Each structure stands twice: as structure tokens, then as C-alpha cells.
Full PDB file with SEQRES, HELIX, SHEET, SSBOND, CRYST1, ORIGX, SCALE, CONECT and MASTER records, all heavy atoms in Angstrom:
SEQRES   1 A   33  ALA ILE PHE ALA THR PRO GLN VAL ILE LYS ASN ASP LEU          
SEQRES   2 A   33  ILE ALA GLY ARG TYR SER LEU ASP ASP VAL THR LEU LEU          
SEQRES   3 A   33  VAL VAL ASP GLU CYS HIS ARG                                  
HELIX    1 AA1 PRO A    6  ILE A   14  1                                   9    
CRYST1    1.000    1.000    1.000  90.00  90.00  90.00 P 1           1          
ORIGX1      1.000000  0.000000  0.000000        0.00000                         
ORIGX2      0.000000  1.000000  0.000000        0.00000                         
ORIGX3      0.000000  0.000000  1.000000        0.00000                         
SCALE1      1.000000  0.000000  0.000000        0.00000                         
SCALE2      0.000000  1.000000  0.000000        0.00000                         
SCALE3      0.000000  0.000000  1.000000        0.00000                         
ATOM      1  N   ALA A   1     105.004  99.572 121.537  1.00  0.00           N  
ATOM      2  CA  ALA A   1     104.711 100.339 120.320  1.00  0.00           C  
ATOM      3  C   ALA A   1     106.026 100.658 119.632  1.00  0.00           C  
ATOM      4  O   ALA A   1     106.908 101.280 120.234  1.00  0.00           O  
ATOM      5  CB  ALA A   1     103.957 101.618 120.658  1.00  0.00           C  
ATOM      6  N   ILE A   2     106.170 100.231 118.384  1.00  0.00           N  
ATOM      7  CA  ILE A   2     107.417 100.417 117.631  1.00  0.00           C  
ATOM      8  C   ILE A   2     107.115 101.285 116.425  1.00  0.00           C  
ATOM      9  O   ILE A   2     106.126 101.067 115.711  1.00  0.00           O  
ATOM     10  CB  ILE A   2     108.015  99.064 117.177  1.00  0.00           C  
ATOM     11  CG1 ILE A   2     108.376  98.210 118.394  1.00  0.00           C  
ATOM     12  CG2 ILE A   2     109.243  99.287 116.307  1.00  0.00           C  
ATOM     13  CD1 ILE A   2     107.327  97.221 118.778  1.00  0.00           C  
ATOM     14  N   PHE A   3     107.995 102.257 116.174  1.00  0.00           N  
ATOM     15  CA  PHE A   3     107.865 103.189 115.058  1.00  0.00           C  
ATOM     16  C   PHE A   3     109.119 103.045 114.214  1.00  0.00           C  
ATOM     17  O   PHE A   3     110.232 103.204 114.721  1.00  0.00           O  
ATOM     18  CB  PHE A   3     107.689 104.614 115.581  1.00  0.00           C  
ATOM     19  CG  PHE A   3     106.520 104.753 116.526  1.00  0.00           C  
ATOM     20  CD1 PHE A   3     106.662 104.443 117.874  1.00  0.00           C  
ATOM     21  CD2 PHE A   3     105.286 105.150 116.055  1.00  0.00           C  
ATOM     22  CE1 PHE A   3     105.586 104.534 118.746  1.00  0.00           C  
ATOM     23  CE2 PHE A   3     104.202 105.248 116.915  1.00  0.00           C  
ATOM     24  CZ  PHE A   3     104.353 104.934 118.265  1.00  0.00           C  
ATOM     25  N   ALA A   4     108.947 102.757 112.920  1.00  0.00           N  
ATOM     26  CA  ALA A   4     110.108 102.375 112.124  1.00  0.00           C  
ATOM     27  C   ALA A   4     109.910 102.658 110.647  1.00  0.00           C  
ATOM     28  O   ALA A   4     108.780 102.783 110.165  1.00  0.00           O  
ATOM     29  CB  ALA A   4     110.402 100.880 112.322  1.00  0.00           C  
ATOM     30  N   THR A   5     111.028 102.745 109.935  1.00  0.00           N  
ATOM     31  CA  THR A   5     110.992 102.737 108.482  1.00  0.00           C  
ATOM     32  C   THR A   5     110.853 101.285 108.022  1.00  0.00           C  
ATOM     33  O   THR A   5     111.337 100.367 108.689  1.00  0.00           O  
ATOM     34  CB  THR A   5     112.266 103.359 107.889  1.00  0.00           C  
ATOM     35  OG1 THR A   5     113.410 102.729 108.481  1.00  0.00           O  
ATOM     36  CG2 THR A   5     112.311 104.855 108.154  1.00  0.00           C  
ATOM     37  N   PRO A   6     110.205 101.035 106.897  1.00  0.00           N  
ATOM     38  CA  PRO A   6     109.907  99.652 106.514  1.00  0.00           C  
ATOM     39  C   PRO A   6     111.138  98.807 106.206  1.00  0.00           C  
ATOM     40  O   PRO A   6     111.143  97.607 106.479  1.00  0.00           O  
ATOM     41  CB  PRO A   6     109.012  99.816 105.279  1.00  0.00           C  
ATOM     42  CG  PRO A   6     109.288 101.186 104.759  1.00  0.00           C  
ATOM     43  CD  PRO A   6     109.614 102.013 105.956  1.00  0.00           C  
ATOM     44  N   GLN A   7     112.193  99.417 105.652  1.00  0.00           N  
ATOM     45  CA  GLN A   7     113.353  98.626 105.267  1.00  0.00           C  
ATOM     46  C   GLN A   7     114.024  97.993 106.475  1.00  0.00           C  
ATOM     47  O   GLN A   7     114.512  96.856 106.418  1.00  0.00           O  
ATOM     48  CB  GLN A   7     114.358  99.499 104.508  1.00  0.00           C  
ATOM     49  CG  GLN A   7     115.474  98.712 103.826  1.00  0.00           C  
ATOM     50  CD  GLN A   7     114.951  97.772 102.760  1.00  0.00           C  
ATOM     51  OE1 GLN A   7     114.191  98.165 101.895  1.00  0.00           O  
ATOM     52  NE2 GLN A   7     115.358  96.511 102.825  1.00  0.00           N  
ATOM     53  N   VAL A   8     114.050  98.714 107.597  1.00  0.00           N  
ATOM     54  CA  VAL A   8     114.669  98.184 108.812  1.00  0.00           C  
ATOM     55  C   VAL A   8     113.915  96.954 109.300  1.00  0.00           C  
ATOM     56  O   VAL A   8     114.517  95.928 109.633  1.00  0.00           O  
ATOM     57  CB  VAL A   8     114.710  99.270 109.911  1.00  0.00           C  
ATOM     58  CG1 VAL A   8     115.092  98.672 111.254  1.00  0.00           C  
ATOM     59  CG2 VAL A   8     115.684 100.365 109.542  1.00  0.00           C  
ATOM     60  N   ILE A   9     112.584  97.046 109.337  1.00  0.00           N  
ATOM     61  CA  ILE A   9     111.783  95.901 109.786  1.00  0.00           C  
ATOM     62  C   ILE A   9     111.936  94.732 108.814  1.00  0.00           C  
ATOM     63  O   ILE A   9     112.062  93.574 109.222  1.00  0.00           O  
ATOM     64  CB  ILE A   9     110.306  96.301 109.925  1.00  0.00           C  
ATOM     65  CG1 ILE A   9     110.142  97.466 110.909  1.00  0.00           C  
ATOM     66  CG2 ILE A   9     109.470  95.109 110.378  1.00  0.00           C  
ATOM     67  CD1 ILE A   9     110.531  97.158 112.331  1.00  0.00           C  
ATOM     68  N   LYS A  10     111.951  95.029 107.529  1.00  0.00           N  
ATOM     69  CA  LYS A  10     112.123  93.972 106.526  1.00  0.00           C  
ATOM     70  C   LYS A  10     113.444  93.238 106.739  1.00  0.00           C  
ATOM     71  O   LYS A  10     113.486  91.998 106.754  1.00  0.00           O  
ATOM     72  CB  LYS A  10     112.072  94.572 105.116  1.00  0.00           C  
ATOM     73  CG  LYS A  10     112.363  93.575 104.004  1.00  0.00           C  
ATOM     74  CD  LYS A  10     112.367  94.261 102.640  1.00  0.00           C  
ATOM     75  CE  LYS A  10     112.832  93.311 101.542  1.00  0.00           C  
ATOM     76  NZ  LYS A  10     112.851  93.963 100.214  1.00  0.00           N  
ATOM     77  N   ASN A  11     114.528  93.979 106.921  1.00  0.00           N  
ATOM     78  CA  ASN A  11     115.832  93.351 107.126  1.00  0.00           C  
ATOM     79  C   ASN A  11     115.833  92.485 108.375  1.00  0.00           C  
ATOM     80  O   ASN A  11     116.383  91.373 108.386  1.00  0.00           O  
ATOM     81  CB  ASN A  11     116.921  94.419 107.238  1.00  0.00           C  
ATOM     82  CG  ASN A  11     117.182  95.115 105.921  1.00  0.00           C  
ATOM     83  OD1 ASN A  11     116.626  94.753 104.888  1.00  0.00           O  
ATOM     84  ND2 ASN A  11     118.022  96.134 105.941  1.00  0.00           N  
ATOM     85  N   ASP A  12     115.232  92.986 109.457  1.00  0.00           N  
ATOM     86  CA  ASP A  12     115.220  92.224 110.708  1.00  0.00           C  
ATOM     87  C   ASP A  12     114.400  90.953 110.583  1.00  0.00           C  
ATOM     88  O   ASP A  12     114.770  89.900 111.123  1.00  0.00           O  
ATOM     89  CB  ASP A  12     114.663  93.092 111.842  1.00  0.00           C  
ATOM     90  CG  ASP A  12     115.644  94.155 112.304  1.00  0.00           C  
ATOM     91  OD1 ASP A  12     116.818  94.092 111.899  1.00  0.00           O  
ATOM     92  OD2 ASP A  12     115.241  95.050 113.072  1.00  0.00           O  
ATOM     93  N   LEU A  13     113.269  91.022 109.867  1.00  0.00           N  
ATOM     94  CA  LEU A  13     112.449  89.820 109.687  1.00  0.00           C  
ATOM     95  C   LEU A  13     113.179  88.780 108.844  1.00  0.00           C  
ATOM     96  O   LEU A  13     113.154  87.584 109.152  1.00  0.00           O  
ATOM     97  CB  LEU A  13     111.119  90.187 109.031  1.00  0.00           C  
ATOM     98  CG  LEU A  13     110.139  91.013 109.872  1.00  0.00           C  
ATOM     99  CD1 LEU A  13     108.895  91.336 109.052  1.00  0.00           C  
ATOM    100  CD2 LEU A  13     109.755  90.279 111.147  1.00  0.00           C  
ATOM    101  N   ILE A  14     113.830  89.232 107.791  1.00  0.00           N  
ATOM    102  CA  ILE A  14     114.565  88.296 106.935  1.00  0.00           C  
ATOM    103  C   ILE A  14     115.702  87.643 107.705  1.00  0.00           C  
ATOM    104  O   ILE A  14     115.987  86.457 107.537  1.00  0.00           O  
ATOM    105  CB  ILE A  14     115.085  89.030 105.681  1.00  0.00           C  
ATOM    106  CG1 ILE A  14     113.902  89.346 104.745  1.00  0.00           C  
ATOM    107  CG2 ILE A  14     116.132  88.205 104.946  1.00  0.00           C  
ATOM    108  CD1 ILE A  14     114.269  90.185 103.542  1.00  0.00           C  
ATOM    109  N   ALA A  15     116.344  88.429 108.595  1.00  0.00           N  
ATOM    110  CA  ALA A  15     117.440  87.884 109.403  1.00  0.00           C  
ATOM    111  C   ALA A  15     116.938  87.080 110.595  1.00  0.00           C  
ATOM    112  O   ALA A  15     117.749  86.527 111.346  1.00  0.00           O  
ATOM    113  CB  ALA A  15     118.335  89.025 109.886  1.00  0.00           C  
ATOM    114  N   GLY A  16     115.619  87.030 110.807  1.00  0.00           N  
ATOM    115  CA  GLY A  16     115.060  86.220 111.875  1.00  0.00           C  
ATOM    116  C   GLY A  16     115.267  86.777 113.273  1.00  0.00           C  
ATOM    117  O   GLY A  16     115.288  86.018 114.244  1.00  0.00           O  
ATOM    118  N   ARG A  17     115.397  88.104 113.393  1.00  0.00           N  
ATOM    119  CA  ARG A  17     115.662  88.691 114.716  1.00  0.00           C  
ATOM    120  C   ARG A  17     114.414  88.715 115.582  1.00  0.00           C  
ATOM    121  O   ARG A  17     114.499  88.701 116.802  1.00  0.00           O  
ATOM    122  CB  ARG A  17     116.229  90.106 114.548  1.00  0.00           C  
ATOM    123  CG  ARG A  17     117.566  90.103 113.823  1.00  0.00           C  
ATOM    124  CD  ARG A  17     118.207  91.477 113.740  1.00  0.00           C  
ATOM    125  NE  ARG A  17     119.454  91.375 112.983  1.00  0.00           N  
ATOM    126  CZ  ARG A  17     119.662  91.921 111.790  1.00  0.00           C  
ATOM    127  NH1 ARG A  17     118.715  92.660 111.233  1.00  0.00           N  
ATOM    128  NH2 ARG A  17     120.808  91.755 111.174  1.00  0.00           N  
ATOM    129  N   TYR A  18     113.252  88.801 114.973  1.00  0.00           N  
ATOM    130  CA  TYR A  18     111.981  88.731 115.689  1.00  0.00           C  
ATOM    131  C   TYR A  18     110.903  88.436 114.658  1.00  0.00           C  
ATOM    132  O   TYR A  18     111.186  88.369 113.453  1.00  0.00           O  
ATOM    133  CB  TYR A  18     111.675  90.030 116.455  1.00  0.00           C  
ATOM    134  CG  TYR A  18     111.912  91.304 115.667  1.00  0.00           C  
ATOM    135  CD1 TYR A  18     111.002  91.737 114.705  1.00  0.00           C  
ATOM    136  CD2 TYR A  18     113.048  92.082 115.885  1.00  0.00           C  
ATOM    137  CE1 TYR A  18     111.214  92.904 113.983  1.00  0.00           C  
ATOM    138  CE2 TYR A  18     113.274  93.251 115.167  1.00  0.00           C  
ATOM    139  CZ  TYR A  18     112.356  93.652 114.219  1.00  0.00           C  
ATOM    140  OH  TYR A  18     112.572  94.800 113.503  1.00  0.00           O  
ATOM    141  N   SER A  19     109.672  88.266 115.106  1.00  0.00           N  
ATOM    142  CA  SER A  19     108.568  87.999 114.183  1.00  0.00           C  
ATOM    143  C   SER A  19     107.433  88.971 114.481  1.00  0.00           C  
ATOM    144  O   SER A  19     107.455  89.691 115.480  1.00  0.00           O  
ATOM    145  CB  SER A  19     108.074  86.555 114.330  1.00  0.00           C  
ATOM    146  OG  SER A  19     107.351  86.406 115.537  1.00  0.00           O  
ATOM    147  N   LEU A  20     106.425  88.958 113.607  1.00  0.00           N  
ATOM    148  CA  LEU A  20     105.271  89.842 113.756  1.00  0.00           C  
ATOM    149  C   LEU A  20     104.062  89.114 114.330  1.00  0.00           C  
ATOM    150  O   LEU A  20     102.946  89.616 114.253  1.00  0.00           O  
ATOM    151  CB  LEU A  20     104.902  90.445 112.391  1.00  0.00           C  
ATOM    152  CG  LEU A  20     105.990  91.233 111.665  1.00  0.00           C  
ATOM    153  CD1 LEU A  20     105.460  91.730 110.314  1.00  0.00           C  
ATOM    154  CD2 LEU A  20     106.489  92.405 112.498  1.00  0.00           C  
ATOM    155  N   ASP A  21     104.282  87.940 114.929  1.00  0.00           N  
ATOM    156  CA  ASP A  21     103.146  87.116 115.328  1.00  0.00           C  
ATOM    157  C   ASP A  21     102.266  87.767 116.383  1.00  0.00           C  
ATOM    158  O   ASP A  21     101.063  87.526 116.427  1.00  0.00           O  
ATOM    159  CB  ASP A  21     103.616  85.736 115.793  1.00  0.00           C  
ATOM    160  CG  ASP A  21     104.557  85.817 116.992  1.00  0.00           C  
ATOM    161  OD1 ASP A  21     105.107  86.904 117.250  1.00  0.00           O  
ATOM    162  OD2 ASP A  21     104.741  84.786 117.665  1.00  0.00           O  
ATOM    163  N   ASP A  22     102.837  88.641 117.260  1.00  0.00           N  
ATOM    164  CA  ASP A  22     102.009  89.256 118.299  1.00  0.00           C  
ATOM    165  C   ASP A  22     101.682  90.716 118.007  1.00  0.00           C  
ATOM    166  O   ASP A  22     101.224  91.441 118.896  1.00  0.00           O  
ATOM    167  CB  ASP A  22     102.695  89.132 119.665  1.00  0.00           C  
ATOM    168  CG  ASP A  22     104.015  89.891 119.733  1.00  0.00           C  
ATOM    169  OD1 ASP A  22     104.531  90.288 118.659  1.00  0.00           O  
ATOM    170  OD2 ASP A  22     104.535  90.084 120.846  1.00  0.00           O  
ATOM    171  N   VAL A  23     101.912  91.175 116.767  1.00  0.00           N  
ATOM    172  CA  VAL A  23     101.531  92.534 116.384  1.00  0.00           C  
ATOM    173  C   VAL A  23     100.031  92.541 116.094  1.00  0.00           C  
ATOM    174  O   VAL A  23      99.568  91.864 115.175  1.00  0.00           O  
ATOM    175  CB  VAL A  23     102.327  93.018 115.153  1.00  0.00           C  
ATOM    176  CG1 VAL A  23     101.787  94.352 114.657  1.00  0.00           C  
ATOM    177  CG2 VAL A  23     103.810  93.143 115.496  1.00  0.00           C  
ATOM    178  N   THR A  24      99.275  93.293 116.889  1.00  0.00           N  
ATOM    179  CA  THR A  24      97.812  93.306 116.728  1.00  0.00           C  
ATOM    180  C   THR A  24      97.331  94.473 115.872  1.00  0.00           C  
ATOM    181  O   THR A  24      96.154  94.519 115.508  1.00  0.00           O  
ATOM    182  CB  THR A  24      97.125  93.347 118.101  1.00  0.00           C  
ATOM    183  OG1 THR A  24      97.687  94.402 118.881  1.00  0.00           O  
ATOM    184  CG2 THR A  24      97.298  92.031 118.832  1.00  0.00           C  
ATOM    185  N   LEU A  25      98.231  95.429 115.564  1.00  0.00           N  
ATOM    186  CA  LEU A  25      97.876  96.491 114.613  1.00  0.00           C  
ATOM    187  C   LEU A  25      99.128  96.921 113.861  1.00  0.00           C  
ATOM    188  O   LEU A  25     100.133  97.287 114.477  1.00  0.00           O  
ATOM    189  CB  LEU A  25      97.274  97.702 115.327  1.00  0.00           C  
ATOM    190  CG  LEU A  25      96.916  98.885 114.396  1.00  0.00           C  
ATOM    191  CD1 LEU A  25      95.830  98.486 113.399  1.00  0.00           C  
ATOM    192  CD2 LEU A  25      96.486 100.113 115.193  1.00  0.00           C  
ATOM    193  N   LEU A  26      99.039  96.866 112.547  1.00  0.00           N  
ATOM    194  CA  LEU A  26     100.100  97.378 111.677  1.00  0.00           C  
ATOM    195  C   LEU A  26      99.561  98.616 110.967  1.00  0.00           C  
ATOM    196  O   LEU A  26      98.581  98.528 110.222  1.00  0.00           O  
ATOM    197  CB  LEU A  26     100.530  96.325 110.656  1.00  0.00           C  
ATOM    198  CG  LEU A  26     101.535  96.790 109.591  1.00  0.00           C  
ATOM    199  CD1 LEU A  26     102.858  97.199 110.228  1.00  0.00           C  
ATOM    200  CD2 LEU A  26     101.766  95.713 108.539  1.00  0.00           C  
ATOM    201  N   VAL A  27     100.195  99.767 111.206  1.00  0.00           N  
ATOM    202  CA  VAL A  27      99.808 101.022 110.558  1.00  0.00           C  
ATOM    203  C   VAL A  27     100.807 101.305 109.440  1.00  0.00           C  
ATOM    204  O   VAL A  27     102.022 101.343 109.679  1.00  0.00           O  
ATOM    205  CB  VAL A  27      99.784 102.189 111.566  1.00  0.00           C  
ATOM    206  CG1 VAL A  27      99.447 103.503 110.852  1.00  0.00           C  
ATOM    207  CG2 VAL A  27      98.784 101.918 112.675  1.00  0.00           C  
ATOM    208  N   VAL A  28     100.318 101.495 108.231  1.00  0.00           N  
ATOM    209  CA  VAL A  28     101.161 101.747 107.059  1.00  0.00           C  
ATOM    210  C   VAL A  28     100.862 103.157 106.564  1.00  0.00           C  
ATOM    211  O   VAL A  28      99.828 103.397 105.935  1.00  0.00           O  
ATOM    212  CB  VAL A  28     100.893 100.706 105.950  1.00  0.00           C  
ATOM    213  CG1 VAL A  28     101.792 100.978 104.749  1.00  0.00           C  
ATOM    214  CG2 VAL A  28     101.109  99.292 106.476  1.00  0.00           C  
ATOM    215  N   ASP A  29     101.755 104.105 106.866  1.00  0.00           N  
ATOM    216  CA  ASP A  29     101.548 105.491 106.457  1.00  0.00           C  
ATOM    217  C   ASP A  29     102.104 105.716 105.056  1.00  0.00           C  
ATOM    218  O   ASP A  29     103.041 105.040 104.631  1.00  0.00           O  
ATOM    219  CB  ASP A  29     102.235 106.431 107.448  1.00  0.00           C  
ATOM    220  CG  ASP A  29     101.733 107.860 107.313  1.00  0.00           C  
ATOM    221  OD1 ASP A  29     100.682 108.064 106.670  1.00  0.00           O  
ATOM    222  OD2 ASP A  29     102.383 108.778 107.843  1.00  0.00           O  
ATOM    223  N   GLU A  30     101.535 106.687 104.341  1.00  0.00           N  
ATOM    224  CA  GLU A  30     101.891 106.946 102.940  1.00  0.00           C  
ATOM    225  C   GLU A  30     101.819 105.641 102.145  1.00  0.00           C  
ATOM    226  O   GLU A  30     102.738 105.256 101.416  1.00  0.00           O  
ATOM    227  CB  GLU A  30     103.287 107.573 102.841  1.00  0.00           C  
ATOM    228  CG  GLU A  30     103.484 108.826 103.683  1.00  0.00           C  
ATOM    229  CD  GLU A  30     102.624 110.008 103.223  1.00  0.00           C  
ATOM    230  OE1 GLU A  30     102.011 109.921 102.149  1.00  0.00           O  
ATOM    231  OE2 GLU A  30     102.571 111.009 103.956  1.00  0.00           O  
ATOM    232  N   CYS A  31     100.681 104.962 102.275  1.00  0.00           N  
ATOM    233  CA  CYS A  31     100.557 103.598 101.752  1.00  0.00           C  
ATOM    234  C   CYS A  31     100.541 103.536 100.230  1.00  0.00           C  
ATOM    235  O   CYS A  31     100.645 102.439  99.660  1.00  0.00           O  
ATOM    236  CB  CYS A  31      99.314 102.932 102.316  1.00  0.00           C  
ATOM    237  SG  CYS A  31      97.760 103.664 101.740  1.00  0.00           S  
ATOM    238  N   HIS A  32     100.416 104.688  99.550  1.00  0.00           N  
ATOM    239  CA  HIS A  32     100.444 104.662  98.086  1.00  0.00           C  
ATOM    240  C   HIS A  32     101.793 104.171  97.559  1.00  0.00           C  
ATOM    241  O   HIS A  32     101.925 103.873  96.370  1.00  0.00           O  
ATOM    242  CB  HIS A  32     100.149 106.057  97.523  1.00  0.00           C  
ATOM    243  CG  HIS A  32     101.042 107.123  98.061  1.00  0.00           C  
ATOM    244  ND1 HIS A  32     100.744 107.857  99.187  1.00  0.00           N  
ATOM    245  CD2 HIS A  32     102.246 107.594  97.639  1.00  0.00           C  
ATOM    246  CE1 HIS A  32     101.721 108.719  99.429  1.00  0.00           C  
ATOM    247  NE2 HIS A  32     102.637 108.573  98.497  1.00  0.00           N  
ATOM    248  N   ARG A  33     102.781 104.059  98.433  1.00  0.00           N  
ATOM    249  CA  ARG A  33     104.090 103.538  98.020  1.00  0.00           C  
ATOM    250  C   ARG A  33     104.106 102.013  97.878  1.00  0.00           C  
ATOM    251  O   ARG A  33     105.104 101.450  97.408  1.00  0.00           O  
ATOM    252  CB  ARG A  33     105.157 103.934  99.040  1.00  0.00           C  
ATOM    253  CG  ARG A  33     105.538 105.406  99.015  1.00  0.00           C  
ATOM    254  CD  ARG A  33     106.501 105.714 100.142  1.00  0.00           C  
ATOM    255  NE  ARG A  33     107.061 107.051 100.048  1.00  0.00           N  
ATOM    256  CZ  ARG A  33     108.362 107.312  99.840  1.00  0.00           C  
ATOM    257  NH1 ARG A  33     109.204 106.321  99.668  1.00  0.00           N  
ATOM    258  NH2 ARG A  33     108.803 108.546  99.788  1.00  0.00           N  
TER     259      ARG A  33                                                      
MASTER        0    0    0    1    0    0    0    6  258    1    0    3          
END                                                                             
């Protein structure tokens, strides 16, 4: 279970550090943003 701000995950995905292929639930809080 990973808890993060979105910019950090975005940067890591763009840099290819890991992928979201095995994430079975993505929770987006304050989604009006």
C-alpha cells in the first residue's frame, strides 16, 4: 500500500522507475482537482 502526492508518482512513472500494472485499486482523493 503506497500513499503519495500525485506529482511524485508522475515523475517516477515518466522516469520509468516502476509501473502501475499490478495496482488493483487507485484512490484519488480531492478528485475535483
